[in-house]
């Protein structure tokens, strides 16, 4: 959520920035209309309360019973008016908050303009679009031939976009998760294991609601929601707490399964495990002092890149343009790995600085120094990594001509020393 002071004091600049996303500036005018009405009502309430206080003092000094009763009756009417205004203020504040929740974050100056993901500039790359010395197969052919993924069983159990991992496939998935967690702990992140369901407030706080409501799974009876990413529960770990600057940064890493109603175009990504309604992900998250957050974003990106590097996967990093950057992000890097079987780059990590956008929603504050006024901190998140696509890249890059798959060296200790999946 944006700072109302910024909208109030720099409306034209906010409109200019939103125009980079093809967003009509009328949403800013709507917020300001609520804001002006709210301030007008509050002034009237304050004036009436001041009048009531003054008259109440006068009443206590009056000796004439009739005059006293007349003024008491008048103050009852003032009290009724104050009560009505308080209710109207609450409604206006609710409307203003709803309008503000619909406004996306503003972009950092580094964010380039662009229409869609095809215009995201590559800023770093290690490795090329690897061509294998034999015809590369896609992961779904390799996995089914090895018996490590069953798509038919997934459909049998839960419908389309689900699959079952067997044997060494399931073990590779588990090994990769454990290795990623251990790596991020060595990088300085503290592991947390959070619930896989959350209250609705956590989704508002992280910026998933209202924009992504149709993509989320919800249990109607309990009102709990399945997490679409560990970013959601981790964002709200310190809601309504006042952190001390000396205790920042706080860096967490968390594994969760993620649940999303993927809305797919007909014929797009219909095969394999690239897009599903349930997938695993390891997520890095940082609570930072505002002055340090962009240096932290660069470190977050390097931490994600290190995952791909140690796995021996060709990767590249892009900065997202205005046509592709997420709703809550001020600046985002995507790390992509090469998948030779599909001949495409796959996004396995998205690293974002959302500045105070989530902190204002979640009431995440810190005290700069003892006795100082609390301020909102900056939050950052980054996949480290998204498992389905990482598994795709491992299978397709490490495939052998006979259909076997070499296990990346860093994962072998987690696979019981197995070097090749046959």
Protein backbone atom coordinates (compact mmCIF):
# COMPACT_ATOMS: atom_id res chain seq x y z
CA UNK A 1 0.00 0.00 0.00
CA UNK A 2 1.30 3.46 -0.87
CA UNK A 3 1.88 6.24 1.64
CA UNK A 4 -1.19 8.50 1.70
CA UNK A 5 1.15 11.48 2.20
CA UNK A 6 2.80 10.73 -1.14
CA UNK A 7 -0.57 10.53 -2.89
CA UNK A 8 -1.74 13.70 -1.13
CA UNK A 9 1.40 15.76 -1.78
CA UNK A 10 2.48 14.39 -5.19
CA UNK A 11 -0.68 13.24 -6.99
CA UNK A 12 0.59 14.16 -10.46
CA UNK A 13 3.81 12.20 -9.94
CA UNK A 14 1.90 9.16 -8.70
CA UNK A 15 -0.36 9.38 -11.77
CA UNK A 16 2.69 9.67 -14.03
CA UNK A 17 4.25 6.56 -12.53
CA UNK A 18 1.00 4.58 -12.73
CA UNK A 19 0.66 5.61 -16.37
CA UNK A 20 3.81 3.56 -17.04
CA UNK A 21 1.63 0.54 -16.26
CA UNK A 22 -1.25 1.86 -18.38
CA UNK A 23 -3.22 2.54 -15.17
CA UNK A 24 -5.74 5.38 -15.29
CA UNK A 25 -4.97 8.17 -12.83
CA UNK A 26 -8.64 8.27 -11.83
CA UNK A 27 -7.81 5.83 -9.06
CA UNK A 28 -5.63 8.52 -7.47
CA UNK A 29 -8.47 11.05 -7.72
CA UNK A 30 -10.77 8.54 -6.05
CA UNK A 31 -8.40 8.15 -3.10
CA UNK A 32 -8.02 11.92 -2.79
CA UNK A 33 -11.79 12.38 -2.88
CA UNK A 34 -12.17 9.98 0.04
CA UNK A 35 -9.27 11.70 1.80
CA UNK A 36 -10.76 15.18 1.44
CA UNK A 37 -14.18 13.98 2.64
CA UNK A 38 -12.58 12.24 5.62
CA UNK A 39 -10.64 15.33 6.64
CA UNK A 40 -13.73 17.54 6.27
CA UNK A 41 -15.75 15.21 8.48
CA UNK A 42 -13.00 15.03 11.09
CA UNK A 43 -12.82 18.83 11.25
CA UNK A 44 -16.55 18.99 11.86
CA UNK A 45 -16.31 16.32 14.56
CA UNK A 46 -13.49 18.20 16.28
CA UNK A 47 -15.44 21.49 16.15
CA UNK A 48 -18.55 19.84 17.61
CA UNK A 49 -16.56 18.16 20.37
CA UNK A 50 -14.92 21.47 21.22
CA UNK A 51 -18.35 23.13 21.33
CA UNK A 52 -19.71 20.35 23.56
CA UNK A 53 -16.80 20.72 25.97
CA UNK A 54 -17.26 24.48 26.16
CA UNK A 55 -21.02 24.31 26.69
CA UNK A 56 -20.66 21.52 29.24
CA UNK A 57 -18.52 23.81 31.35
CA UNK A 58 -21.09 26.56 30.98
CA UNK A 59 -23.93 24.21 31.99
CA UNK A 60 -22.18 23.30 35.22
CA UNK A 61 -22.23 27.00 36.19
CA UNK A 62 -25.80 27.76 35.21
CA UNK A 63 -28.31 28.35 38.00
CA UNK A 64 -31.38 28.77 35.82
CA UNK A 65 -32.93 25.27 35.48
CA UNK A 66 -34.78 26.05 32.27
CA UNK A 67 -31.70 27.48 30.57
CA UNK A 68 -29.66 24.51 31.78
CA UNK A 69 -32.21 22.05 30.37
CA UNK A 70 -32.29 23.87 27.01
CA UNK A 71 -28.52 23.64 26.66
CA UNK A 72 -28.45 20.01 27.77
CA UNK A 73 -31.02 19.18 25.08
CA UNK A 74 -28.96 21.06 22.50
CA UNK A 75 -25.85 19.09 23.50
CA UNK A 76 -27.77 15.83 23.14
CA UNK A 77 -28.38 16.82 19.52
CA UNK A 78 -24.67 17.65 19.17
CA UNK A 79 -23.81 14.24 20.61
CA UNK A 80 -26.14 12.53 18.15
CA UNK A 81 -24.53 14.46 15.30
CA UNK A 82 -21.05 13.44 16.49
CA UNK A 83 -22.13 9.78 16.61
CA UNK A 84 -23.52 10.00 13.07
CA UNK A 85 -20.35 11.68 11.82
CA UNK A 86 -18.17 9.02 13.48
CA UNK A 87 -20.06 6.34 11.56
CA UNK A 88 -19.69 8.27 8.33
CA UNK A 89 -15.95 8.71 8.96
CA UNK A 90 -15.62 4.95 9.44
CA UNK A 91 -17.37 4.30 6.12
CA UNK A 92 -15.24 6.87 4.30
CA UNK A 93 -12.05 5.42 5.81
CA UNK A 94 -13.12 1.95 4.70
CA UNK A 95 -13.72 3.22 1.19
CA UNK A 96 -10.39 5.04 1.11
CA UNK A 97 -8.50 1.98 2.32
CA UNK A 98 -10.22 -0.21 -0.28
CA UNK A 99 -9.26 2.27 -3.01
CA UNK A 100 -5.67 2.39 -1.82
CA UNK A 101 -5.42 -1.40 -1.71
CA UNK A 102 -6.24 -1.44 -5.42
CA UNK A 103 -3.24 0.75 -6.30
CA UNK A 104 -0.10 -1.14 -7.25
CA UNK A 105 3.38 -0.21 -6.00
CA UNK A 106 5.33 2.46 -7.84
CA UNK A 107 8.43 1.42 -9.80
CA UNK A 108 12.02 2.09 -8.84
CA UNK A 109 13.79 4.42 -11.32
CA UNK A 110 15.84 1.45 -12.62
CA UNK A 111 12.73 -0.36 -13.87
CA UNK A 112 12.58 -0.15 -17.69
CA UNK A 113 9.39 0.47 -19.63
CA UNK A 114 8.05 -2.45 -21.63
CA UNK A 115 4.89 -4.19 -22.77
CA UNK A 116 5.52 -7.75 -21.56
CA UNK A 117 8.19 -10.29 -20.55
CA UNK A 118 9.74 -10.21 -24.04
CA UNK A 119 11.09 -6.76 -23.17
CA UNK A 120 12.88 -7.73 -19.94
CA UNK A 121 16.60 -6.91 -20.40
CA UNK A 122 19.18 -9.59 -19.56
CA UNK A 123 21.67 -8.07 -17.11
CA UNK A 124 23.79 -11.14 -16.36
CA UNK A 125 24.35 -14.61 -17.78
CA UNK A 126 26.46 -17.69 -17.05
CA UNK A 127 26.35 -20.46 -19.62
CA UNK A 128 24.72 -20.64 -23.01
CA UNK A 129 21.67 -22.27 -24.52
CA UNK A 130 23.29 -25.68 -24.16
CA UNK A 131 23.02 -28.06 -27.11
CA UNK A 132 23.48 -31.70 -26.13
CA UNK A 133 25.55 -34.04 -28.37
CA UNK A 134 22.38 -36.05 -29.05
CA UNK A 135 18.71 -35.15 -29.57
CA UNK A 136 17.52 -33.73 -26.24
CA UNK A 137 14.28 -35.09 -24.83
CA UNK A 138 11.79 -33.09 -22.75
CA UNK A 139 11.51 -33.95 -19.09
CA UNK A 140 8.11 -35.61 -19.39
CA UNK A 141 9.47 -38.25 -21.79
CA UNK A 142 12.56 -38.88 -19.66
CA UNK A 143 10.64 -39.01 -16.38
CA UNK A 144 7.94 -41.35 -17.60
CA UNK A 145 10.49 -43.68 -19.22
CA UNK A 146 12.40 -43.85 -15.92
CA UNK A 147 9.20 -44.28 -13.92
CA UNK A 148 9.94 -41.30 -11.67
CA UNK A 149 6.86 -39.18 -12.55
CA UNK A 150 3.34 -40.40 -13.31
CA UNK A 151 1.00 -37.91 -14.90
CA UNK A 152 -1.87 -40.39 -15.26
CA UNK A 153 -1.87 -41.10 -11.52
CA UNK A 154 -1.89 -37.38 -10.76
CA UNK A 155 -4.97 -36.93 -12.94
CA UNK A 156 -6.58 -39.97 -11.34
CA UNK A 157 -6.08 -38.54 -7.86
CA UNK A 158 -6.73 -34.83 -8.34
CA UNK A 159 -7.40 -33.98 -11.98
CA UNK A 160 -5.39 -32.11 -14.57
CA UNK A 161 -2.24 -30.22 -13.58
CA UNK A 162 -1.32 -32.74 -10.88
CA UNK A 163 1.27 -35.52 -10.96
CA UNK A 164 2.82 -38.17 -8.72
CA UNK A 165 6.57 -38.50 -8.21
CA UNK A 166 7.96 -42.01 -7.62
CA UNK A 167 11.17 -43.50 -6.33
CA UNK A 168 14.25 -41.53 -7.29
CA UNK A 169 12.05 -38.72 -8.66
CA UNK A 170 10.47 -38.18 -5.25
CA UNK A 171 13.89 -38.48 -3.67
CA UNK A 172 15.37 -35.91 -6.08
CA UNK A 173 12.58 -33.49 -5.16
CA UNK A 174 13.17 -33.98 -1.43
CA UNK A 175 16.95 -33.79 -1.83
CA UNK A 176 16.74 -30.53 -3.75
CA UNK A 177 14.53 -28.94 -1.11
CA UNK A 178 16.86 -29.99 1.70
CA UNK A 179 19.98 -28.85 -0.16
CA UNK A 180 18.43 -25.44 -0.92
CA UNK A 181 17.46 -24.93 2.73
CA UNK A 182 20.96 -25.88 3.90
CA UNK A 183 22.55 -23.57 1.32
CA UNK A 184 20.44 -20.59 2.35
CA UNK A 185 21.17 -21.21 6.02
CA UNK A 186 24.88 -21.03 5.14
CA UNK A 187 24.13 -17.78 3.31
CA UNK A 188 22.81 -16.31 6.55
CA UNK A 189 19.08 -17.03 6.50
CA UNK A 190 17.24 -18.42 9.53
CA UNK A 191 14.85 -21.24 8.69
CA UNK A 192 11.18 -21.02 9.65
CA UNK A 193 8.54 -23.69 9.16
CA UNK A 194 5.16 -22.01 8.84
CA UNK A 195 1.57 -23.23 8.50
CA UNK A 196 0.52 -24.10 4.96
CA UNK A 197 -2.80 -22.32 5.57
CA UNK A 198 -3.29 -18.72 6.71
CA UNK A 199 -5.99 -16.30 7.79
CA UNK A 200 -7.28 -13.92 5.16
CA UNK A 201 -5.44 -11.01 6.81
CA UNK A 202 -2.09 -12.54 5.82
CA UNK A 203 -3.08 -12.47 2.14
CA UNK A 204 -4.08 -8.81 2.34
CA UNK A 205 -0.83 -8.02 4.14
CA UNK A 206 1.36 -9.66 1.49
CA UNK A 207 -0.55 -8.08 -1.40
CA UNK A 208 -2.16 -11.27 -2.72
CA UNK A 209 -5.60 -9.82 -2.07
CA UNK A 210 -7.59 -8.35 -3.64
CA UNK A 211 -5.79 -8.76 -6.99
CA UNK A 212 -5.24 -12.54 -7.01
CA UNK A 213 -8.42 -13.72 -5.27
CA UNK A 214 -9.47 -15.90 -8.23
CA UNK A 215 -6.12 -17.75 -8.19
CA UNK A 216 -6.26 -18.78 -4.53
CA UNK A 217 -7.68 -21.83 -2.77
CA UNK A 218 -9.92 -21.23 0.27
CA UNK A 219 -11.67 -23.44 2.80
CA UNK A 220 -15.10 -21.89 3.15
CA UNK A 221 -15.91 -23.43 6.53
CA UNK A 222 -12.79 -22.31 8.41
CA UNK A 223 -12.06 -19.21 6.35
CA UNK A 224 -8.45 -20.32 5.98
CA UNK A 225 -6.55 -20.07 2.70
CA UNK A 226 -3.92 -22.40 1.26
CA UNK A 227 -0.65 -20.51 0.81
CA UNK A 228 0.35 -19.60 -2.76
CA UNK A 229 3.93 -19.00 -1.56
CA UNK A 230 5.83 -18.94 1.74
CA UNK A 231 6.10 -15.18 1.24
CA UNK A 232 2.52 -14.92 2.56
CA UNK A 233 2.97 -16.39 6.06
CA UNK A 234 6.51 -15.03 6.49
CA UNK A 235 5.37 -11.47 5.72
CA UNK A 236 3.03 -11.55 8.72
CA UNK A 237 5.40 -13.13 11.27
CA UNK A 238 6.03 -9.75 12.91
CA UNK A 239 2.70 -8.01 12.25
CA UNK A 240 1.87 -5.36 14.88
CA UNK A 241 5.27 -5.80 16.54
CA UNK A 242 7.70 -2.91 16.95
CA UNK A 243 11.17 -4.11 15.96
CA UNK A 244 14.36 -2.39 17.01
CA UNK A 245 16.76 -1.17 14.32
CA UNK A 246 19.60 -2.97 16.10
CA UNK A 247 17.83 -6.30 15.44
CA UNK A 248 17.54 -5.71 11.68
CA UNK A 249 17.97 -7.17 9.17
CA UNK A 250 15.96 -10.32 9.80
CA UNK A 251 16.53 -12.94 7.08
CA UNK A 252 14.34 -16.03 6.87
CA UNK A 253 14.12 -19.01 4.56
CA UNK A 254 11.06 -21.25 4.41
CA UNK A 255 9.88 -24.27 2.48
CA UNK A 256 6.19 -24.66 1.65
CA UNK A 257 4.08 -26.42 -0.89
CA UNK A 258 2.28 -23.73 -2.90
CA UNK A 259 -1.29 -23.85 -4.18
CA UNK A 260 -2.55 -21.73 -7.07
CA UNK A 261 -5.38 -21.98 -9.55
CA UNK A 262 -3.27 -21.61 -12.68
CA UNK A 263 -5.27 -19.86 -15.38
CA UNK A 264 -3.78 -21.25 -18.59
CA UNK A 265 -4.28 -20.50 -22.24
CA UNK A 266 -5.43 -23.41 -24.38
CA UNK A 267 -2.45 -25.39 -25.61
CA UNK A 268 0.08 -23.54 -23.44
CA UNK A 269 2.39 -25.60 -21.19
CA UNK A 270 -0.02 -28.52 -21.32
CA UNK A 271 2.67 -31.16 -20.89
CA UNK A 272 5.01 -31.84 -18.02
CA UNK A 273 5.35 -30.23 -14.60
CA UNK A 274 6.07 -26.62 -15.61
CA UNK A 275 2.67 -25.36 -14.48
CA UNK A 276 0.54 -27.00 -11.82
CA UNK A 277 -1.94 -26.20 -9.11
CA UNK A 278 0.43 -27.56 -6.42
CA UNK A 279 4.20 -27.18 -6.36
CA UNK A 280 7.10 -26.88 -3.91
CA UNK A 281 9.20 -23.80 -3.36
CA UNK A 282 11.91 -22.57 -1.05
CA UNK A 283 11.54 -18.86 -0.33
CA UNK A 284 14.03 -16.30 0.98
CA UNK A 285 12.63 -13.28 2.81
CA UNK A 286 14.32 -10.21 4.27
CA UNK A 287 13.12 -7.50 6.69
CA UNK A 288 15.48 -4.56 6.07
CA UNK A 289 16.19 -0.97 7.05
CA UNK A 290 15.04 1.25 4.17
CA UNK A 291 18.52 2.63 3.55
CA UNK A 292 19.92 -0.89 3.10
CA UNK A 293 17.15 -2.53 1.09
CA UNK A 294 18.55 -2.11 -2.42
CA UNK A 295 21.95 -3.46 -1.43
CA UNK A 296 19.98 -6.33 0.13
CA UNK A 297 18.14 -6.88 -3.15
CA UNK A 298 21.45 -7.32 -4.98
CA UNK A 299 22.53 -9.85 -2.36
CA UNK A 300 19.20 -11.65 -2.62
CA UNK A 301 19.70 -11.93 -6.37
CA UNK A 302 23.24 -13.28 -5.91
CA UNK A 303 21.96 -15.84 -3.39
CA UNK A 304 19.40 -17.09 -5.91
CA UNK A 305 21.97 -17.16 -8.72
CA UNK A 306 24.29 -19.22 -6.52
CA UNK A 307 21.67 -21.96 -6.38
CA UNK A 308 21.69 -22.32 -10.17
CA UNK A 309 25.47 -22.02 -10.33
CA UNK A 310 26.11 -24.79 -7.80
CA UNK A 311 23.59 -27.03 -9.55
CA UNK A 312 25.61 -26.59 -12.74
CA UNK A 313 22.72 -25.09 -14.69
CA UNK A 314 23.15 -22.40 -17.37
CA UNK A 315 21.35 -19.32 -16.06
CA UNK A 316 20.65 -15.71 -16.81
CA UNK A 317 19.18 -12.82 -14.83
CA UNK A 318 16.70 -10.27 -16.12
CA UNK A 319 15.31 -7.06 -14.66
CA UNK A 320 11.55 -6.96 -15.13
CA UNK A 321 9.97 -4.16 -17.14
CA UNK A 322 6.76 -2.33 -16.30
CA UNK A 323 4.72 -4.77 -18.39
CA UNK A 324 5.85 -7.78 -16.36
CA UNK A 325 6.72 -6.65 -12.82
CA UNK A 326 4.46 -7.84 -10.00
CA UNK A 327 1.69 -5.79 -8.38
CA UNK A 328 3.56 -5.16 -5.12
CA UNK A 329 7.11 -4.88 -6.40
CA UNK A 330 9.18 -1.74 -6.85
CA UNK A 331 11.99 -3.66 -8.57
CA UNK A 332 12.32 -7.32 -9.53
CA UNK A 333 14.99 -9.60 -10.94
CA UNK A 334 14.10 -12.97 -12.47
CA UNK A 335 16.65 -15.78 -12.59
CA UNK A 336 16.07 -18.21 -15.46
CA UNK A 337 17.70 -21.57 -16.19
CA UNK A 338 18.08 -23.23 -19.57
CA UNK A 339 16.07 -26.39 -20.32
CA UNK A 340 17.46 -28.04 -23.48
CA UNK A 341 14.67 -30.59 -23.81
CA UNK A 342 12.11 -27.82 -24.18
CA UNK A 343 14.64 -25.40 -25.71
CA UNK A 344 13.55 -22.54 -23.45
CA UNK A 345 14.58 -20.49 -20.47
CA UNK A 346 12.57 -21.21 -17.33
CA UNK A 347 12.09 -18.72 -14.50
CA UNK A 348 13.12 -20.39 -11.23
CA UNK A 349 13.48 -17.35 -8.99
CA UNK A 350 11.89 -13.93 -8.75
CA UNK A 351 13.68 -11.54 -6.36
CA UNK A 352 11.80 -8.36 -5.41
CA UNK A 353 12.07 -5.31 -3.21
CA UNK A 354 8.56 -4.16 -2.32
CA UNK A 355 9.87 -1.35 -0.10
CA UNK A 356 7.13 -0.36 2.41
CA UNK A 357 4.27 -1.72 0.28
CA UNK A 358 3.73 -4.84 2.42
CA UNK A 359 4.88 -3.22 5.65
CA UNK A 360 2.05 -0.68 5.53
CA UNK A 361 -0.49 -3.45 4.97
CA UNK A 362 0.97 -5.71 7.66
CA UNK A 363 1.91 -2.93 10.12
CA UNK A 364 5.59 -3.91 10.11
CA UNK A 365 7.47 -1.15 11.91
CA UNK A 366 10.81 -0.53 13.54
CA UNK A 367 12.21 2.12 15.86
CA UNK A 368 15.25 3.81 14.24
CA UNK A 369 16.71 4.59 17.66
CA UNK A 370 15.52 4.62 21.30
CA UNK A 371 12.71 7.12 21.73
CA UNK A 372 12.36 7.78 17.99
CA UNK A 373 9.07 7.66 16.14
CA UNK A 374 8.38 4.21 14.60
CA UNK A 375 8.80 3.88 10.84
CA UNK A 376 7.86 1.25 8.28
CA UNK A 377 10.61 -1.14 7.26
CA UNK A 378 11.30 -2.58 3.79
CA UNK A 379 10.56 -6.19 2.87
CA UNK A 380 12.13 -8.30 0.12
CA UNK A 381 11.38 -11.78 -1.14
CA UNK A 382 12.98 -14.21 -3.54
CA UNK A 383 12.48 -17.80 -4.62
CA UNK A 384 15.42 -19.98 -3.80
CA UNK A 385 14.24 -21.88 -5.88
CA UNK A 386 10.90 -22.86 -7.41
CA UNK A 387 11.08 -26.65 -7.56
CA UNK A 388 9.14 -27.82 -10.59
CA UNK A 389 11.19 -25.81 -13.05
CA UNK A 390 14.42 -26.49 -11.22
CA UNK A 391 13.67 -30.21 -11.43
CA UNK A 392 12.87 -29.81 -15.14
CA UNK A 393 16.24 -28.13 -15.72
CA UNK A 394 18.12 -30.83 -13.79
CA UNK A 395 16.44 -33.65 -15.69
CA UNK A 396 16.90 -32.05 -19.11
CA UNK A 397 20.46 -30.74 -18.63
CA UNK A 398 21.78 -33.91 -17.00
CA UNK A 399 20.09 -36.42 -19.33
CA UNK A 400 22.26 -39.02 -21.04
CA UNK A 401 21.77 -40.54 -24.46
CA UNK A 402 20.59 -43.82 -22.90
CA UNK A 403 17.81 -41.97 -21.02
CA UNK A 404 19.51 -42.00 -17.63
CA UNK A 405 19.96 -38.79 -15.62
CA UNK A 406 23.17 -37.81 -13.83
CA UNK A 407 22.59 -36.42 -10.34
CA UNK A 408 24.21 -32.99 -9.82
CA UNK A 409 27.24 -33.37 -7.58
CA UNK A 410 25.91 -31.11 -4.81
CA UNK A 411 22.77 -33.27 -4.50
CA UNK A 412 24.50 -36.65 -4.29
CA UNK A 413 25.01 -36.57 -0.50
CA UNK A 414 21.26 -35.95 -0.18
CA UNK A 415 20.51 -38.84 -2.56
CA UNK A 416 22.41 -41.40 -0.53
CA UNK A 417 25.43 -41.19 -2.83
CA UNK A 418 23.46 -42.06 -5.99
CA UNK A 419 25.25 -40.59 -9.00
CA UNK A 420 22.95 -41.64 -11.84
CA UNK A 421 19.22 -42.23 -11.99
CA UNK A 422 18.51 -45.21 -14.27
